[in-house]
């Protein structure tokens, strides 16, 4: 009988310590799940961004050719920039 009383007493301390309904009062658990999902999505987004950035296979020369072909830069500027790229 005395042992049962100790167990019940420990349970009541835990129950009162957690607001009577478990951690955070039992009402905010959906917010916790949403926050965890957001954290996971941000983490996955950062990983995707890092991986996709590394696979950029266009060279500086290719980008320069595209800019010249689209008319964004003139021939003189193209030749100047191409010379700078090849010197590096």
N, C-alpha and C. Protein backbone atom coordinates (compact mmCIF):
# COMPACT_ATOMS: atom_id res chain seq x y z
N UNK A 1 0.82 -1.19 0.00
CA UNK A 1 0.00 0.00 0.00
C UNK A 1 0.86 1.25 0.00
N UNK A 2 1.92 1.22 0.81
CA UNK A 2 2.78 2.37 0.93
C UNK A 2 3.52 2.64 -0.40
N UNK A 3 3.92 1.57 -1.11
CA UNK A 3 4.60 1.70 -2.41
C UNK A 3 3.65 2.32 -3.44
N UNK A 4 2.41 1.91 -3.46
CA UNK A 4 1.44 2.47 -4.40
C UNK A 4 1.27 3.96 -4.16
N UNK A 5 1.29 4.38 -2.93
CA UNK A 5 1.14 5.78 -2.59
C UNK A 5 2.31 6.60 -3.14
N UNK A 6 3.54 6.04 -3.08
CA UNK A 6 4.70 6.74 -3.61
C UNK A 6 4.58 6.92 -5.13
N UNK A 7 4.14 5.90 -5.83
CA UNK A 7 3.99 5.97 -7.28
C UNK A 7 2.94 7.02 -7.65
N UNK A 8 1.83 7.01 -6.97
CA UNK A 8 0.78 7.98 -7.24
C UNK A 8 1.26 9.38 -6.93
N UNK A 9 2.02 9.52 -5.85
CA UNK A 9 2.54 10.83 -5.47
C UNK A 9 3.51 11.36 -6.53
N UNK A 10 4.38 10.49 -7.07
CA UNK A 10 5.31 10.91 -8.12
C UNK A 10 4.55 11.30 -9.38
N UNK A 11 3.51 10.58 -9.71
CA UNK A 11 2.72 10.89 -10.88
C UNK A 11 2.02 12.24 -10.74
N UNK A 12 1.54 12.52 -9.55
CA UNK A 12 0.84 13.80 -9.36
C UNK A 12 1.81 14.97 -9.44
N UNK A 13 3.05 14.77 -9.00
CA UNK A 13 4.06 15.82 -9.12
C UNK A 13 4.33 16.09 -10.59
N UNK A 14 4.50 15.04 -11.39
CA UNK A 14 4.74 15.19 -12.82
C UNK A 14 3.54 15.85 -13.48
N UNK A 15 2.35 15.44 -13.13
CA UNK A 15 1.13 15.99 -13.71
C UNK A 15 1.02 17.48 -13.42
N UNK A 16 1.29 17.88 -12.21
CA UNK A 16 1.21 19.30 -11.84
C UNK A 16 2.35 20.10 -12.44
N UNK A 17 3.53 19.51 -12.55
CA UNK A 17 4.68 20.21 -13.09
C UNK A 17 4.47 20.56 -14.56
N UNK A 18 3.79 19.73 -15.29
CA UNK A 18 3.57 19.94 -16.72
C UNK A 18 2.26 20.66 -17.02
N UNK A 19 1.70 21.30 -16.07
CA UNK A 19 0.50 22.08 -16.32
C UNK A 19 -0.77 21.27 -16.32
N UNK A 20 -0.71 20.05 -15.90
CA UNK A 20 -1.91 19.25 -15.78
C UNK A 20 -2.26 18.46 -17.03
N UNK A 21 -1.68 18.80 -18.17
CA UNK A 21 -2.05 18.10 -19.40
C UNK A 21 -0.82 17.69 -20.21
N UNK A 22 0.30 17.55 -19.57
CA UNK A 22 1.50 17.20 -20.29
C UNK A 22 2.25 18.45 -20.70
N UNK A 23 3.23 18.25 -21.53
CA UNK A 23 4.10 19.35 -21.91
C UNK A 23 3.33 20.44 -22.64
N UNK A 24 3.55 21.67 -22.30
CA UNK A 24 2.92 22.86 -22.88
C UNK A 24 1.41 22.85 -22.74
N UNK A 25 0.91 22.23 -21.75
CA UNK A 25 -0.52 22.28 -21.49
C UNK A 25 -1.35 21.43 -22.43
N UNK A 26 -0.75 20.78 -23.39
CA UNK A 26 -1.48 19.90 -24.29
C UNK A 26 -2.21 20.61 -25.41
N UNK A 27 -2.22 21.93 -25.41
CA UNK A 27 -2.97 22.67 -26.43
C UNK A 27 -2.10 23.11 -27.60
N UNK A 28 -0.80 23.16 -27.41
CA UNK A 28 0.08 23.73 -28.43
C UNK A 28 0.79 22.70 -29.28
N UNK A 29 0.48 21.44 -29.18
CA UNK A 29 1.19 20.43 -29.94
C UNK A 29 1.07 20.60 -31.45
N UNK A 30 -0.06 21.09 -32.01
CA UNK A 30 -0.08 21.29 -33.47
C UNK A 30 0.94 22.33 -33.93
N UNK A 31 1.18 23.35 -33.12
CA UNK A 31 2.16 24.37 -33.47
C UNK A 31 3.56 23.76 -33.48
N UNK A 32 3.84 22.89 -32.53
CA UNK A 32 5.13 22.21 -32.49
C UNK A 32 5.38 21.37 -33.73
N UNK A 33 4.36 20.68 -34.19
CA UNK A 33 4.49 19.86 -35.40
C UNK A 33 4.73 20.77 -36.61
N UNK A 34 4.00 21.85 -36.70
CA UNK A 34 4.17 22.79 -37.82
C UNK A 34 5.58 23.38 -37.82
N UNK A 35 6.07 23.75 -36.66
CA UNK A 35 7.44 24.30 -36.55
C UNK A 35 8.46 23.25 -36.98
N UNK A 36 8.29 22.01 -36.57
CA UNK A 36 9.21 20.95 -36.98
C UNK A 36 9.18 20.74 -38.49
N UNK A 37 8.01 20.78 -39.09
CA UNK A 37 7.89 20.62 -40.54
C UNK A 37 8.60 21.78 -41.24
N UNK A 38 8.43 23.00 -40.73
CA UNK A 38 9.09 24.16 -41.33
C UNK A 38 10.60 24.02 -41.23
N UNK A 39 11.10 23.59 -40.09
CA UNK A 39 12.54 23.41 -39.92
C UNK A 39 13.07 22.36 -40.90
N UNK A 40 12.36 21.27 -41.06
CA UNK A 40 12.78 20.22 -42.00
C UNK A 40 12.78 20.75 -43.42
N UNK A 41 11.73 21.50 -43.81
CA UNK A 41 11.66 22.04 -45.16
C UNK A 41 12.78 23.05 -45.43
N UNK A 42 13.09 23.87 -44.46
CA UNK A 42 14.19 24.82 -44.62
C UNK A 42 15.51 24.07 -44.78
N UNK A 43 15.71 23.06 -43.98
CA UNK A 43 16.93 22.24 -44.07
C UNK A 43 17.05 21.59 -45.45
N UNK A 44 15.97 21.00 -45.93
CA UNK A 44 15.99 20.37 -47.26
C UNK A 44 16.20 21.41 -48.36
N UNK A 45 15.61 22.60 -48.19
CA UNK A 45 15.80 23.66 -49.17
C UNK A 45 17.24 24.12 -49.25
N UNK A 46 17.90 24.23 -48.11
CA UNK A 46 19.32 24.62 -48.10
C UNK A 46 20.17 23.56 -48.78
N UNK A 47 19.88 22.30 -48.51
CA UNK A 47 20.63 21.21 -49.15
C UNK A 47 20.42 21.25 -50.66
N UNK A 48 19.18 21.43 -51.10
CA UNK A 48 18.89 21.50 -52.53
C UNK A 48 19.63 22.67 -53.18
N UNK A 49 19.62 23.83 -52.51
CA UNK A 49 20.28 25.02 -53.05
C UNK A 49 21.78 24.77 -53.19
N UNK A 50 22.39 24.17 -52.18
CA UNK A 50 23.82 23.90 -52.24
C UNK A 50 24.18 22.91 -53.34
N UNK A 51 23.38 21.87 -53.49
CA UNK A 51 23.64 20.86 -54.51
C UNK A 51 23.43 21.43 -55.91
N UNK A 52 22.37 22.18 -56.11
CA UNK A 52 22.08 22.72 -57.44
C UNK A 52 23.11 23.78 -57.83
N UNK A 53 23.64 24.50 -56.87
CA UNK A 53 24.64 25.53 -57.16
C UNK A 53 25.95 24.88 -57.61
N UNK A 54 26.27 23.73 -57.07
CA UNK A 54 27.51 23.05 -57.40
C UNK A 54 27.47 22.47 -58.81
N UNK A 55 26.29 22.14 -59.31
CA UNK A 55 26.17 21.51 -60.62
C UNK A 55 26.09 22.51 -61.77
N UNK A 56 26.33 23.76 -61.50
CA UNK A 56 26.32 24.76 -62.56
C UNK A 56 27.54 24.52 -63.44
N UNK A 57 27.32 23.95 -64.62
CA UNK A 57 28.43 23.53 -65.47
C UNK A 57 28.77 24.57 -66.53
N UNK A 58 28.09 25.70 -66.55
CA UNK A 58 28.39 26.72 -67.55
C UNK A 58 29.68 27.44 -67.18
N UNK A 59 30.56 27.52 -68.14
CA UNK A 59 31.80 28.25 -67.91
C UNK A 59 31.57 29.73 -68.14
N UNK A 60 32.53 30.53 -67.72
CA UNK A 60 32.43 31.98 -67.92
C UNK A 60 32.40 32.31 -69.41
N UNK A 61 33.14 31.52 -70.18
CA UNK A 61 33.17 31.74 -71.63
C UNK A 61 31.80 31.46 -72.27
N UNK A 62 31.13 30.40 -71.80
CA UNK A 62 29.79 30.08 -72.31
C UNK A 62 28.80 31.19 -72.00
N UNK A 63 28.87 31.71 -70.79
CA UNK A 63 27.97 32.79 -70.39
C UNK A 63 28.24 34.02 -71.24
N UNK A 64 29.51 34.32 -71.46
CA UNK A 64 29.88 35.47 -72.29
C UNK A 64 29.36 35.31 -73.72
N UNK A 65 29.48 34.10 -74.28
CA UNK A 65 28.96 33.84 -75.63
C UNK A 65 27.46 34.07 -75.70
N UNK A 66 26.74 33.63 -74.69
CA UNK A 66 25.28 33.82 -74.66
C UNK A 66 24.93 35.30 -74.60
N UNK A 67 25.66 36.06 -73.78
CA UNK A 67 25.40 37.49 -73.66
C UNK A 67 25.65 38.20 -75.00
N UNK A 68 26.71 37.79 -75.70
CA UNK A 68 27.03 38.39 -77.00
C UNK A 68 25.97 38.00 -78.04
N UNK A 69 25.57 36.75 -78.02
CA UNK A 69 24.57 36.27 -78.99
C UNK A 69 23.21 36.93 -78.79
N UNK A 70 22.88 37.25 -77.55
CA UNK A 70 21.58 37.89 -77.29
C UNK A 70 21.61 39.40 -77.53
N UNK A 71 22.80 39.94 -77.81
CA UNK A 71 22.91 41.37 -78.07
C UNK A 71 23.07 42.21 -76.81
N UNK A 72 23.29 41.56 -75.71
CA UNK A 72 23.44 42.28 -74.43
C UNK A 72 24.75 43.08 -74.40
N UNK A 73 25.80 42.54 -75.06
CA UNK A 73 27.07 43.26 -75.12
C UNK A 73 27.52 43.37 -76.58
N UNK A 74 28.34 44.36 -76.85
CA UNK A 74 28.86 44.60 -78.21
C UNK A 74 30.11 43.75 -78.44
N UNK A 75 30.56 43.71 -79.71
CA UNK A 75 31.70 42.87 -80.07
C UNK A 75 32.99 43.32 -79.37
N UNK A 76 33.19 44.61 -79.26
CA UNK A 76 34.41 45.11 -78.61
C UNK A 76 34.45 44.67 -77.14
N UNK A 77 33.33 44.79 -76.45
CA UNK A 77 33.28 44.37 -75.05
C UNK A 77 33.44 42.86 -74.94
N UNK A 78 32.83 42.13 -75.88
CA UNK A 78 32.96 40.67 -75.89
C UNK A 78 34.42 40.26 -76.00
N UNK A 79 35.14 40.86 -76.96
CA UNK A 79 36.55 40.51 -77.16
C UNK A 79 37.39 40.89 -75.94
N UNK A 80 37.10 42.04 -75.34
CA UNK A 80 37.83 42.48 -74.16
C UNK A 80 37.63 41.49 -73.00
N UNK A 81 36.37 41.12 -72.76
CA UNK A 81 36.06 40.21 -71.66
C UNK A 81 36.61 38.81 -71.93
N UNK A 82 36.54 38.38 -73.18
CA UNK A 82 37.06 37.06 -73.53
C UNK A 82 38.58 37.00 -73.29
N UNK A 83 39.26 38.08 -73.62
CA UNK A 83 40.71 38.15 -73.37
C UNK A 83 41.00 38.07 -71.86
N UNK A 84 40.19 38.77 -71.04
CA UNK A 84 40.37 38.72 -69.60
C UNK A 84 40.14 37.33 -69.05
N UNK A 85 39.13 36.65 -69.57
CA UNK A 85 38.81 35.29 -69.10
C UNK A 85 39.97 34.34 -69.43
N UNK A 86 40.49 34.44 -70.62
CA UNK A 86 41.57 33.53 -71.04
C UNK A 86 42.88 33.79 -70.31
N UNK A 87 43.06 35.02 -69.80
CA UNK A 87 44.28 35.34 -69.05
C UNK A 87 44.25 34.73 -67.65
N UNK A 88 43.10 34.44 -67.14
CA UNK A 88 42.99 33.92 -65.78
C UNK A 88 43.33 32.47 -65.68
